[in-house]
Amino acid sequence: MRAGLTRRVAVALGAALVLSGPAAAQDKKVLKAVMHSGLRITDPIITTAYIARNHGYMIYDTLFATDERFEIKPQMVKDFSVSDDKLTYTFTLRDGLKFHDGAPVTAEDCVASLQRWGKRDGMGQKLMEYTASLKAADDKTFTLTLKQPYGLVLASLGKPSSNVPFIMPKRIAETPADRNVPEEIGSGPFRFVKGEFQPGLKVVYEKNPDYVPRAEPPSWLAGGKIAKLDRVEWINIPDYQTAVNALINGEIDYIEQPPHDFLDILKGAKGVVINNYNPLGFSGMVRMNWLNPPFDNPKIRQAVLHAVNQQDYLDAQIGNPDYMQPCLAMFVCGTPNATDAGAPMKPDLARAKQLLKEGGYDGRPVVIMQPTDLAIVAPLGPVTAQALRAIGMKVDLQSMDWQTLVGRRAKQDPVDQGGWNIFHTTWVNADMLNPIANVGVNAKGKVGGWFGWAEDAEIEKLRDAYARETDPAKQKAIAADVQKRAYDVGTYFPTGQYTSPLAVRSTLKGILQGPAPVFWNIEKQ
């Protein structure tokens, strides 16, 4: 790879971005990556945004992790035990765990980190509802005691995607759960280089020489995390044509989400490889805000569900049948909880118009937040806008970058005070497999709910029943009831499933499969 980017790429990035860092870094093994978005929010607990999750996997570690067989394996934990009555879990940490500031990782750090995560994450919230106590026994041992047996303890601690229960120093984990952490200090295989951080533009990570990996081979997000690169740079190139040209020319090494209409070009390019690192795939989502009119009215939410069409979303977003699949199952097609229960099987515009009339729609514009810089999400907003206009709704499609949207979607304010009505997002399917993990069916409302703040006591009762149940057949039946109710009340609409491969230079070896792109085990040859 050339030491500097070409002039065209340099112009796209701005002069500050092309600096590779200290002169000493020129001799290191450096990987330059274009991720799906720029990083601004560096706290992977206060947001479900995947760029923050990806950042989390760079610098933090987890107590448990999910492997390629969907089994939960110890990561920072050396060993653990469960009492005969299934109420007390005792965890002991591995030797050699150390934060990037040199402090040892202690049980108190783990307790504080889990408590903070448990205030934000859907699975974490449910686990904490069943928790009687969570406390350190000594520097390396802590216990979790339940109020009653709960079958998802390890699945919660080892969940692979947003929000991941990353472990932070206690002093940082004590940051209020709705505020970004003041420092980026973890114990993971890479360290955050604060002095080179340019929010939204460039992030730099360096190998953590003190990291002690597990002895097992890497598998998905479990096993040994061996950093084979000295330095990883995430460089934001908003124009994908420029990014693709840079990859083909060898000026960057890695594009996380190349638009699907570039894949044929990239497949034919010398020195470029397409890597489907996440064959389980992704799903899209239309999310309505229950707090603001008109979607505080269930009939108008139902009108939207009858107006939209999955195939329209997939054609606009992906366009290639090799990479897309219509799927109305909220818990992912081809998995144990897959069902069509409650789903509107095809658009019904007449019914949608009737529901608008019954709901008393007053003609107010619907504010749809539209990210223009995130290629995989950008096509969804116009599809929804067209569908709503077709049934007589007014639409205000407001363009912004993804990180602005991520900040604004957290606002519970009225629309005229910076609030919103609809946004779209996408999820790795590993986040959607059951009613506890899938935040789209979290119905806790303003306190404990996810953005959009759906609130429904019946759904929450069903989610509790799912969490307590251990029989897979009975869990599947409960999941079907959750989905049926979620469609009935309009928590969200799934826009379909798809795969989104990486595009990388052929010199990169060791890219791991999994629900999140990780940079350990990768080497440049």
Protein backbone atom coordinates (compact mmCIF):
# COMPACT_ATOMS: atom_id res chain seq x y z
CA MET A 1 0.00 0.00 0.00
CA ARG A 2 1.32 3.47 -0.83
CA ALA A 3 2.36 5.62 2.12
CA GLY A 4 -0.15 8.35 1.30
CA LEU A 5 -3.53 8.41 -0.36
CA THR A 6 -3.86 9.68 -3.88
CA ARG A 7 -4.73 13.31 -4.43
CA ARG A 8 -8.32 12.46 -5.31
CA VAL A 9 -8.84 10.55 -2.07
CA ALA A 10 -6.96 13.22 -0.16
CA VAL A 11 -9.32 15.88 -1.47
CA ALA A 12 -12.30 13.75 -0.44
CA LEU A 13 -10.96 13.28 3.05
CA GLY A 14 -9.38 16.62 3.76
CA ALA A 15 -5.70 17.13 4.38
CA ALA A 16 -5.86 16.26 8.07
CA LEU A 17 -7.23 12.81 7.41
CA VAL A 18 -4.48 11.51 5.20
CA LEU A 19 -1.87 11.75 7.90
CA SER A 20 -0.97 8.25 8.98
CA GLY A 21 0.17 9.40 12.40
CA PRO A 22 3.69 9.60 13.85
CA ALA A 23 6.54 8.97 11.49
CA ALA A 24 7.33 5.76 13.36
CA ALA A 25 3.98 4.38 12.31
CA GLN A 26 5.09 4.20 8.67
CA ASP A 27 7.02 0.98 9.37
CA LYS A 28 4.19 -0.70 11.24
CA LYS A 29 1.60 -3.08 9.91
CA VAL A 30 -1.22 -0.61 9.24
CA LEU A 31 -4.73 -1.35 8.00
CA LYS A 32 -6.83 1.48 6.58
CA ALA A 33 -10.57 0.82 6.69
CA VAL A 34 -13.67 2.68 5.53
CA MET A 35 -16.44 1.75 7.92
CA HIS A 36 -20.16 2.18 7.30
CA SER A 37 -20.22 5.47 9.22
CA GLY A 38 -17.97 7.94 10.95
CA LEU A 39 -17.57 7.51 14.71
CA ARG A 40 -18.75 10.34 16.94
CA ILE A 41 -20.46 8.65 19.89
CA THR A 42 -17.73 6.53 21.48
CA ASP A 43 -19.88 4.89 24.14
CA PRO A 44 -21.32 1.52 22.98
CA ILE A 45 -23.72 1.39 25.92
CA ILE A 46 -25.68 4.63 25.40
CA THR A 47 -26.39 3.83 21.73
CA THR A 48 -27.18 0.73 19.70
CA ALA A 49 -25.43 2.27 16.65
CA TYR A 50 -23.19 -0.36 15.13
CA ILE A 51 -20.25 1.96 14.59
CA ALA A 52 -20.12 2.39 18.39
CA ARG A 53 -20.45 -1.38 18.83
CA ASN A 54 -17.60 -1.95 16.34
CA HIS A 55 -15.50 0.58 18.27
CA GLY A 56 -16.38 -1.31 21.45
CA TYR A 57 -15.00 -4.56 20.08
CA MET A 58 -11.74 -2.81 19.25
CA ILE A 59 -10.96 -1.57 22.75
CA TYR A 60 -13.11 -3.50 25.24
CA ASP A 61 -13.45 -7.14 26.18
CA THR A 62 -16.42 -9.22 27.36
CA LEU A 63 -16.99 -11.74 30.13
CA PHE A 64 -18.47 -14.25 27.70
CA ALA A 65 -18.74 -14.44 23.90
CA THR A 66 -20.76 -16.29 21.26
CA ASP A 67 -18.92 -18.72 19.00
CA GLU A 68 -19.74 -19.91 15.47
CA ARG A 69 -22.00 -22.68 16.85
CA PHE A 70 -24.02 -20.06 18.77
CA GLU A 71 -22.60 -21.44 22.01
CA ILE A 72 -21.71 -19.07 24.86
CA LYS A 73 -18.04 -19.39 25.84
CA PRO A 74 -16.02 -17.79 28.67
CA GLN A 75 -13.89 -14.84 27.51
CA MET A 76 -12.60 -12.71 30.40
CA VAL A 77 -14.03 -15.31 32.77
CA LYS A 78 -11.72 -18.18 33.73
CA ASP A 79 -14.43 -20.39 35.19
CA PHE A 80 -17.90 -20.15 36.69
CA SER A 81 -20.35 -22.24 38.67
CA VAL A 82 -24.12 -22.35 39.16
CA SER A 83 -25.76 -23.35 42.45
CA ASP A 84 -28.02 -26.39 42.59
CA ASP A 85 -31.10 -24.19 42.93
CA LYS A 86 -30.05 -22.28 39.75
CA LEU A 87 -30.15 -18.97 41.61
CA THR A 88 -26.48 -18.09 42.21
CA TYR A 89 -23.84 -17.73 39.50
CA THR A 90 -20.22 -17.33 40.65
CA PHE A 91 -17.66 -15.99 38.17
CA THR A 92 -13.87 -15.93 38.46
CA LEU A 93 -11.75 -13.74 36.15
CA ARG A 94 -8.73 -14.89 34.15
CA ASP A 95 -5.22 -13.96 35.20
CA GLY A 96 -3.43 -11.12 33.41
CA LEU A 97 -6.42 -8.92 32.60
CA LYS A 98 -5.33 -5.30 32.51
CA PHE A 99 -6.89 -2.03 31.38
CA HIS A 100 -5.10 0.21 28.91
CA ASP A 101 -4.18 2.61 31.72
CA GLY A 102 -2.30 -0.21 33.45
CA ALA A 103 -4.84 -0.94 36.19
CA PRO A 104 -5.86 -4.59 36.72
CA VAL A 105 -9.38 -5.62 35.82
CA THR A 106 -11.28 -6.42 39.01
CA ALA A 107 -14.59 -7.94 39.94
CA GLU A 108 -15.84 -4.47 40.95
CA ASP A 109 -15.17 -3.23 37.41
CA CYS A 110 -17.31 -6.08 36.06
CA VAL A 111 -20.16 -5.42 38.49
CA ALA A 112 -20.24 -1.68 37.68
CA SER A 113 -20.09 -2.34 33.94
CA LEU A 114 -22.93 -4.87 34.04
CA GLN A 115 -25.08 -2.57 36.15
CA ARG A 116 -24.66 0.27 33.66
CA TRP A 117 -25.31 -2.00 30.67
CA GLY A 118 -28.38 -3.39 32.44
CA LYS A 119 -29.96 0.06 32.44
CA ARG A 120 -29.77 0.40 28.65
CA ASP A 121 -29.80 -2.94 26.87
CA GLY A 122 -33.02 -4.92 26.38
CA MET A 123 -31.54 -8.24 27.47
CA GLY A 124 -29.65 -6.49 30.23
CA GLN A 125 -32.81 -4.84 31.53
CA LYS A 126 -34.61 -8.18 31.62
CA LEU A 127 -31.69 -9.87 33.39
CA MET A 128 -31.61 -7.12 36.02
CA GLU A 129 -35.35 -7.53 36.62
CA TYR A 130 -34.61 -11.10 37.71
CA THR A 131 -31.46 -10.17 39.67
CA ALA A 132 -31.56 -10.00 43.48
CA SER A 133 -27.91 -8.99 43.86
CA LEU A 134 -24.75 -8.50 41.84
CA LYS A 135 -21.63 -8.01 43.93
CA ALA A 136 -17.89 -8.61 44.13
CA ALA A 137 -16.68 -11.35 46.48
CA ASP A 138 -12.99 -10.50 46.06
CA ASP A 139 -10.74 -8.88 43.46
CA LYS A 140 -11.29 -11.65 40.90
CA THR A 141 -14.65 -13.15 41.88
CA PHE A 142 -18.21 -11.83 41.71
CA THR A 143 -21.64 -13.36 42.15
CA LEU A 144 -24.99 -12.83 40.48
CA THR A 145 -27.95 -13.99 42.56
CA LEU A 146 -31.38 -14.33 40.96
CA LYS A 147 -34.84 -13.84 42.44
CA GLN A 148 -35.98 -16.91 40.50
CA PRO A 149 -34.37 -19.19 37.92
CA TYR A 150 -33.73 -17.41 34.61
CA GLY A 151 -32.60 -19.31 31.54
CA LEU A 152 -30.91 -16.44 29.67
CA VAL A 153 -28.14 -15.45 32.09
CA LEU A 154 -25.20 -16.61 29.97
CA ALA A 155 -26.94 -15.68 26.70
CA SER A 156 -27.29 -12.15 28.07
CA LEU A 157 -23.68 -11.86 29.27
CA GLY A 158 -22.44 -13.29 25.97
CA LYS A 159 -24.78 -11.47 23.58
CA PRO A 160 -22.84 -10.68 20.42
CA SER A 161 -24.25 -7.35 19.33
CA SER A 162 -25.84 -4.11 20.46
CA ASN A 163 -25.73 -3.43 23.26
CA VAL A 164 -22.76 -5.64 24.12
CA PRO A 165 -21.90 -5.89 27.85
CA PHE A 166 -18.38 -4.54 27.47
CA ILE A 167 -16.27 -4.27 30.61
CA MET A 168 -14.94 -0.83 31.60
CA PRO A 169 -13.06 0.46 34.65
CA LYS A 170 -15.42 1.02 37.58
CA ARG A 171 -14.75 4.77 37.65
CA ILE A 172 -15.84 5.01 34.00
CA ALA A 173 -18.74 2.56 34.30
CA GLU A 174 -20.17 4.76 37.04
CA THR A 175 -20.92 7.39 34.38
CA PRO A 176 -24.72 7.85 34.20
CA ALA A 177 -26.14 5.44 31.64
CA ASP A 178 -27.50 8.28 29.50
CA ARG A 179 -24.17 10.12 29.18
CA ASN A 180 -21.18 9.32 26.99
CA VAL A 181 -18.23 7.95 28.95
CA PRO A 182 -15.50 10.57 29.55
CA GLU A 183 -12.64 8.26 28.54
CA GLU A 184 -12.16 5.39 26.11
CA ILE A 185 -10.29 2.93 28.35
CA GLY A 186 -10.83 -0.79 27.90
CA SER A 187 -8.85 -4.01 28.24
CA GLY A 188 -9.27 -5.29 24.69
CA PRO A 189 -6.74 -6.17 21.98
CA PHE A 190 -6.45 -2.61 20.62
CA ARG A 191 -6.07 0.77 22.31
CA PHE A 192 -7.86 3.97 21.31
CA VAL A 193 -5.44 6.71 20.23
CA LYS A 194 -7.20 9.75 21.65
CA GLY A 195 -4.74 12.30 20.25
CA GLU A 196 -5.58 11.29 16.66
CA PHE A 197 -9.36 11.05 17.06
CA GLN A 198 -11.30 13.31 14.70
CA PRO A 199 -15.01 12.73 15.46
CA GLY A 200 -16.89 11.61 12.37
CA LEU A 201 -13.72 11.61 10.28
CA LYS A 202 -10.91 9.43 11.60
CA VAL A 203 -10.28 6.95 14.41
CA VAL A 204 -6.95 5.29 15.16
CA TYR A 205 -6.31 2.14 17.18
CA GLU A 206 -2.98 0.61 18.14
CA LYS A 207 -2.18 -2.90 19.22
CA ASN A 208 -2.39 -3.42 22.98
CA PRO A 209 0.93 -5.08 23.90
CA ASP A 210 -0.41 -6.07 27.34
CA TYR A 211 -3.41 -8.02 26.09
CA VAL A 212 -3.40 -11.70 27.08
CA PRO A 213 -5.56 -13.67 24.61
CA ARG A 214 -7.28 -16.92 25.40
CA ALA A 215 -5.57 -20.10 24.26
CA GLU A 216 -8.52 -21.34 22.17
CA PRO A 217 -8.62 -20.57 18.44
CA PRO A 218 -10.87 -17.65 17.46
CA SER A 219 -14.46 -18.50 16.58
CA TRP A 220 -16.95 -15.75 15.82
CA LEU A 221 -16.48 -13.42 18.82
CA ALA A 222 -15.06 -16.08 21.15
CA GLY A 223 -11.61 -17.58 21.58
CA GLY A 224 -8.19 -15.97 21.28
CA LYS A 225 -8.16 -12.34 20.18
CA ILE A 226 -4.67 -11.96 18.71
CA ALA A 227 -3.91 -8.54 17.26
CA LYS A 228 -1.65 -9.19 14.25
CA LEU A 229 -1.78 -5.56 13.09
CA ASP A 230 0.11 -2.76 14.81
CA ARG A 231 -2.33 -0.05 13.82
CA VAL A 232 -5.87 0.21 12.43
CA GLU A 233 -7.19 3.46 10.98
CA TRP A 234 -10.89 4.04 10.32
CA ILE A 235 -11.11 6.76 7.68
CA ASN A 236 -14.49 8.17 6.70
CA ILE A 237 -14.96 8.56 2.93
CA PRO A 238 -18.62 9.53 2.47
CA ASP A 239 -18.47 9.17 -1.32
CA TYR A 240 -18.51 5.45 -2.06
CA GLN A 241 -17.25 5.84 -5.62
CA THR A 242 -14.14 7.45 -4.18
CA ALA A 243 -13.82 4.71 -1.55
CA VAL A 244 -14.19 1.96 -4.15
CA ASN A 245 -11.56 3.58 -6.37
CA ALA A 246 -9.24 3.87 -3.37
CA LEU A 247 -9.67 0.17 -2.58
CA ILE A 248 -9.06 -0.89 -6.18
CA ASN A 249 -5.94 1.31 -6.29
CA GLY A 250 -4.62 -0.19 -3.05
CA GLU A 251 -4.84 3.10 -1.14
CA ILE A 252 -7.13 1.60 1.50
CA ASP A 253 -7.49 -2.02 2.57
CA TYR A 254 -11.08 -2.52 3.65
CA ILE A 255 -14.63 -1.29 3.01
CA GLU A 256 -17.16 -2.52 5.55
CA GLN A 257 -20.36 -1.91 3.57
CA PRO A 258 -19.78 -1.31 -0.13
CA PRO A 259 -23.12 -0.54 -1.81
CA HIS A 260 -24.50 -3.59 -3.54
CA ASP A 261 -24.43 -1.93 -6.94
CA PHE A 262 -20.62 -1.76 -6.69
CA LEU A 263 -20.14 -5.44 -5.90
CA ASP A 264 -19.87 -6.64 -9.51
CA ILE A 265 -17.20 -4.03 -10.19
CA LEU A 266 -15.31 -5.02 -7.07
CA LYS A 267 -15.55 -8.73 -7.86
CA GLY A 268 -13.80 -8.08 -11.16
CA ALA A 269 -11.09 -5.85 -9.73
CA LYS A 270 -7.58 -7.23 -9.44
CA GLY A 271 -6.41 -7.59 -5.86
CA VAL A 272 -9.89 -7.19 -4.34
CA VAL A 273 -11.88 -9.90 -2.54
CA ILE A 274 -15.56 -9.94 -1.52
CA ASN A 275 -15.99 -11.50 1.92
CA ASN A 276 -19.44 -12.44 3.24
CA TYR A 277 -18.34 -12.32 6.86
CA ASN A 278 -21.91 -12.39 8.26
CA PRO A 279 -23.93 -15.07 6.41
CA LEU A 280 -26.70 -14.85 9.03
CA GLY A 281 -27.31 -11.44 7.50
CA PHE A 282 -29.13 -8.25 8.34
CA SER A 283 -32.68 -6.91 8.57
CA GLY A 284 -34.11 -3.43 8.03
CA MET A 285 -36.70 -1.63 10.13
CA VAL A 286 -39.25 1.18 9.87
CA ARG A 287 -39.61 2.67 13.35
CA MET A 288 -42.44 5.03 14.30
CA ASN A 289 -42.41 7.35 17.32
CA TRP A 290 -45.30 6.51 19.64
CA LEU A 291 -44.88 9.75 21.62
CA ASN A 292 -45.71 12.21 18.84
CA PRO A 293 -48.81 12.59 16.66
CA PRO A 294 -49.89 11.07 14.39
CA PHE A 295 -48.26 7.79 15.50
CA ASP A 296 -49.49 8.06 19.06
CA ASN A 297 -52.66 6.68 17.44
CA PRO A 298 -52.62 2.87 16.84
CA LYS A 299 -54.92 3.10 13.81
CA ILE A 300 -52.48 5.40 12.03
CA ARG A 301 -49.57 3.09 12.87
CA GLN A 302 -51.63 0.27 11.38
CA ALA A 303 -52.26 2.37 8.29
CA VAL A 304 -48.50 2.54 7.70
CA LEU A 305 -48.15 -1.25 8.05
CA HIS A 306 -50.82 -1.74 5.37
CA ALA A 307 -49.27 0.89 3.06
CA VAL A 308 -45.66 -0.32 2.85
CA ASN A 309 -44.22 -3.18 0.81
CA GLN A 310 -41.06 -5.15 1.65
CA GLN A 311 -40.19 -5.76 -1.98
CA ASP A 312 -40.08 -2.01 -2.63
CA TYR A 313 -37.60 -1.57 0.21
CA LEU A 314 -35.36 -4.43 -0.91
CA ASP A 315 -35.38 -3.32 -4.55
CA ALA A 316 -34.32 0.18 -3.54
CA GLN A 317 -31.82 -0.86 -0.87
CA ILE A 318 -30.21 -3.95 -2.42
CA GLY A 319 -31.55 -4.49 -5.94
CA ASN A 320 -29.85 -7.85 -6.42
CA PRO A 321 -31.85 -11.00 -5.57
CA ASP A 322 -28.62 -12.83 -4.75
CA TYR A 323 -28.30 -10.71 -1.61
CA MET A 324 -31.91 -10.15 -0.47
CA GLN A 325 -34.91 -12.03 0.89
CA PRO A 326 -38.41 -10.80 1.76
CA CYS A 327 -39.15 -11.88 5.31
CA LEU A 328 -41.97 -10.74 7.60
CA ALA A 329 -40.69 -12.78 10.56
CA MET A 330 -39.56 -10.32 13.23
CA PHE A 331 -37.27 -13.00 14.70
CA VAL A 332 -35.54 -13.82 11.38
CA CYS A 333 -36.49 -16.31 8.68
CA GLY A 334 -34.85 -19.72 8.87
CA THR A 335 -34.40 -19.62 12.65
CA PRO A 336 -36.31 -21.42 15.44
CA ASN A 337 -38.60 -18.47 16.20
CA ALA A 338 -39.50 -17.65 12.59
CA THR A 339 -43.22 -17.16 11.95
CA ASP A 340 -45.60 -15.06 9.85
CA ALA A 341 -48.00 -14.63 12.78
CA GLY A 342 -49.83 -11.30 12.59
CA ALA A 343 -47.94 -10.02 9.56
CA PRO A 344 -49.71 -8.04 6.83
CA MET A 345 -48.98 -10.39 3.95
CA LYS A 346 -49.37 -7.77 1.22
CA PRO A 347 -50.07 -4.03 0.98
CA ASP A 348 -53.72 -2.95 1.17
CA LEU A 349 -53.95 0.73 0.27
CA ALA A 350 -57.72 0.86 0.61
CA ARG A 351 -57.50 -0.50 4.13
CA ALA A 352 -54.65 1.92 4.93
CA LYS A 353 -56.74 4.90 3.78
CA GLN A 354 -59.71 3.70 5.83
CA LEU A 355 -57.50 3.38 8.94
CA LEU A 356 -56.20 6.92 8.41
CA LYS A 357 -59.79 8.15 8.31
CA GLU A 358 -60.75 6.16 11.40
CA GLY A 359 -57.67 7.46 13.20
CA GLY A 360 -58.58 11.07 12.46
CA TYR A 361 -55.38 11.92 10.59
CA ASP A 362 -55.35 15.72 10.46
CA GLY A 363 -52.94 16.25 7.57
CA ARG A 364 -49.92 17.17 9.68
CA PRO A 365 -46.58 16.42 7.98
CA VAL A 366 -44.78 13.25 9.06
CA VAL A 367 -41.10 13.97 9.75
CA ILE A 368 -38.93 11.17 8.40
CA MET A 369 -35.25 11.43 9.32
CA GLN A 370 -33.22 10.53 6.25
CA PRO A 371 -29.47 9.72 6.56
CA THR A 372 -27.77 10.58 3.30
CA ASP A 373 -24.30 9.25 4.15
CA LEU A 374 -25.18 5.65 5.11
CA ALA A 375 -25.66 3.80 1.84
CA ILE A 376 -27.46 0.78 3.28
CA VAL A 377 -30.09 2.92 5.08
CA ALA A 378 -30.39 5.92 2.75
CA PRO A 379 -32.79 4.27 0.24
CA LEU A 380 -35.37 3.31 2.88
CA GLY A 381 -36.72 6.77 3.74
CA PRO A 382 -37.86 7.69 0.22
CA VAL A 383 -39.67 4.35 -0.09
CA THR A 384 -41.63 5.02 3.08
CA ALA A 385 -42.29 8.60 2.01
CA GLN A 386 -43.75 7.43 -1.30
CA ALA A 387 -45.94 4.82 0.42
CA LEU A 388 -47.32 7.36 2.90
CA ARG A 389 -48.03 9.93 0.21
CA ALA A 390 -49.88 7.24 -1.76
CA ILE A 391 -52.43 6.93 1.07
CA GLY A 392 -52.81 10.69 1.52
CA MET A 393 -50.26 11.54 4.22
CA LYS A 394 -48.01 14.58 4.05
CA VAL A 395 -44.29 13.87 4.45
CA ASP A 396 -41.32 16.01 5.48
CA LEU A 397 -38.23 14.02 4.48
CA GLN A 398 -35.39 15.67 6.41
CA SER A 399 -31.85 14.90 5.22
CA MET A 400 -28.97 14.58 7.71
CA ASP A 401 -25.91 12.45 8.32
CA TRP A 402 -26.23 9.20 10.25
CA GLN A 403 -24.53 10.41 13.41
CA THR A 404 -26.88 13.40 13.58
CA LEU A 405 -29.79 10.99 13.24
CA VAL A 406 -28.38 8.76 15.98
CA GLY A 407 -28.30 11.74 18.33
CA ARG A 408 -31.71 13.10 17.35
CA ARG A 409 -33.57 9.79 17.57
CA ALA A 410 -32.90 9.78 21.34
CA LYS A 411 -34.97 12.97 21.76
CA GLN A 412 -38.45 12.51 23.21
CA ASP A 413 -39.36 16.09 22.33
CA PRO A 414 -42.31 17.15 20.16
CA VAL A 415 -41.58 17.40 16.46
CA ASP A 416 -41.58 21.23 16.51
CA GLN A 417 -38.89 21.10 19.22
CA GLY A 418 -36.48 18.79 17.41
CA GLY A 419 -38.36 15.52 17.75
CA TRP A 420 -39.31 13.15 14.94
CA ASN A 421 -41.93 10.72 13.61
CA ILE A 422 -40.09 7.98 11.67
CA PHE A 423 -36.56 6.74 11.17
CA HIS A 424 -35.13 3.64 9.52
CA THR A 425 -32.26 1.46 10.60
CA THR A 426 -30.77 -1.96 9.98
CA TRP A 427 -29.78 -4.75 12.35
CA VAL A 428 -27.53 -7.77 12.25
CA ASN A 429 -29.89 -10.71 12.51
CA ALA A 430 -28.02 -11.94 15.57
CA ASP A 431 -29.71 -9.03 17.39
CA MET A 432 -33.21 -10.08 16.34
CA LEU A 433 -33.52 -13.78 17.16
CA ASN A 434 -35.89 -13.68 20.11
CA PRO A 435 -38.29 -11.33 21.94
CA ILE A 436 -35.70 -10.40 24.58
CA ALA A 437 -32.85 -9.53 22.22
CA ASN A 438 -35.01 -7.79 19.57
CA VAL A 439 -35.41 -4.22 20.84
CA GLY A 440 -38.10 -3.58 18.23
CA VAL A 441 -40.55 -5.51 20.41
CA ASN A 442 -39.39 -3.95 23.68
CA ALA A 443 -42.62 -2.31 24.87
CA LYS A 444 -41.49 -0.56 28.06
CA GLY A 445 -42.32 2.90 26.74
CA LYS A 446 -40.56 6.10 27.81
CA VAL A 447 -38.71 4.46 30.70
CA GLY A 448 -36.62 1.52 29.54
CA GLY A 449 -37.93 1.37 25.98
CA TRP A 450 -35.98 1.79 22.75
CA PHE A 451 -36.17 4.83 20.47
CA GLY A 452 -39.78 5.20 19.38
CA TRP A 453 -40.87 4.17 22.88
CA ALA A 454 -43.54 1.60 22.10
CA GLU A 455 -45.54 0.79 25.23
CA ASP A 456 -47.74 -2.26 25.64
CA ALA A 457 -48.34 -4.23 28.84
CA GLU A 458 -49.42 -7.38 26.97
CA ILE A 459 -46.15 -7.57 25.02
CA GLU A 460 -44.14 -7.10 28.21
CA LYS A 461 -46.08 -9.88 29.92
CA LEU A 462 -45.32 -12.19 26.98
CA ARG A 463 -41.64 -11.23 27.00
CA ASP A 464 -41.47 -12.12 30.67
CA ALA A 465 -43.07 -15.49 29.92
CA TYR A 466 -40.51 -16.11 27.16
CA ALA A 467 -37.65 -15.27 29.53
CA ARG A 468 -38.90 -17.73 32.14
CA GLU A 469 -39.67 -20.57 29.72
CA THR A 470 -37.02 -23.23 29.07
CA ASP A 471 -38.93 -25.49 26.64
CA PRO A 472 -37.95 -24.45 23.07
CA ALA A 473 -41.36 -25.43 21.66
CA LYS A 474 -43.16 -23.30 24.23
CA GLN A 475 -40.70 -20.44 23.63
CA LYS A 476 -41.51 -20.57 19.92
CA ALA A 477 -45.23 -20.34 20.65
CA ILE A 478 -44.69 -17.36 22.96
CA ALA A 479 -42.50 -15.66 20.35
CA ALA A 480 -45.33 -16.06 17.81
CA ASP A 481 -47.73 -14.40 20.26
CA VAL A 482 -45.25 -11.55 20.79
CA GLN A 483 -44.93 -10.99 17.05
CA LYS A 484 -48.68 -11.09 16.49
CA ARG A 485 -49.23 -8.48 19.18
CA ALA A 486 -46.31 -6.38 17.90
CA TYR A 487 -47.90 -6.23 14.46
CA ASP A 488 -51.32 -5.54 15.99
CA VAL A 489 -50.07 -2.47 17.87
CA GLY A 490 -47.44 -1.42 15.29
CA THR A 491 -44.12 -1.54 17.12
CA TYR A 492 -42.22 -1.60 13.81
CA PHE A 493 -42.22 -2.93 10.25
CA PRO A 494 -39.36 -5.16 8.99
CA THR A 495 -38.15 -4.12 5.55
CA GLY A 496 -36.63 -7.51 4.64
CA GLN A 497 -33.41 -9.49 5.07
CA TYR A 498 -30.17 -9.19 3.17
CA THR A 499 -26.46 -9.94 3.27
CA SER A 500 -23.84 -7.21 3.04
CA PRO A 501 -20.31 -8.47 2.36
CA LEU A 502 -17.02 -6.71 2.96
CA ALA A 503 -14.75 -5.64 0.13
CA VAL A 504 -11.06 -5.99 1.04
CA ARG A 505 -7.63 -6.19 -0.49
CA SER A 506 -6.53 -9.76 -1.19
CA THR A 507 -3.50 -9.15 1.03
CA LEU A 508 -5.74 -9.36 4.12
CA LYS A 509 -5.96 -12.82 5.64
CA GLY A 510 -7.71 -14.17 8.71
CA ILE A 511 -10.95 -12.16 8.58
CA LEU A 512 -13.34 -13.84 11.00
CA GLN A 513 -16.99 -14.57 10.39
CA GLY A 514 -19.50 -13.20 12.86
CA PRO A 515 -22.23 -10.62 13.42
CA ALA A 516 -19.74 -7.76 13.84
CA PRO A 517 -16.61 -6.87 11.85
CA VAL A 518 -13.60 -7.41 14.11
CA PHE A 519 -9.93 -6.73 13.43
CA TRP A 520 -8.13 -9.24 15.61
CA ASN A 521 -6.72 -12.25 13.73
CA ILE A 522 -6.36 -10.17 10.53
CA GLU A 523 -2.89 -9.93 9.01
CA LYS A 524 -1.52 -8.25 5.90
CA GLN A 525 0.64 -10.36 3.63
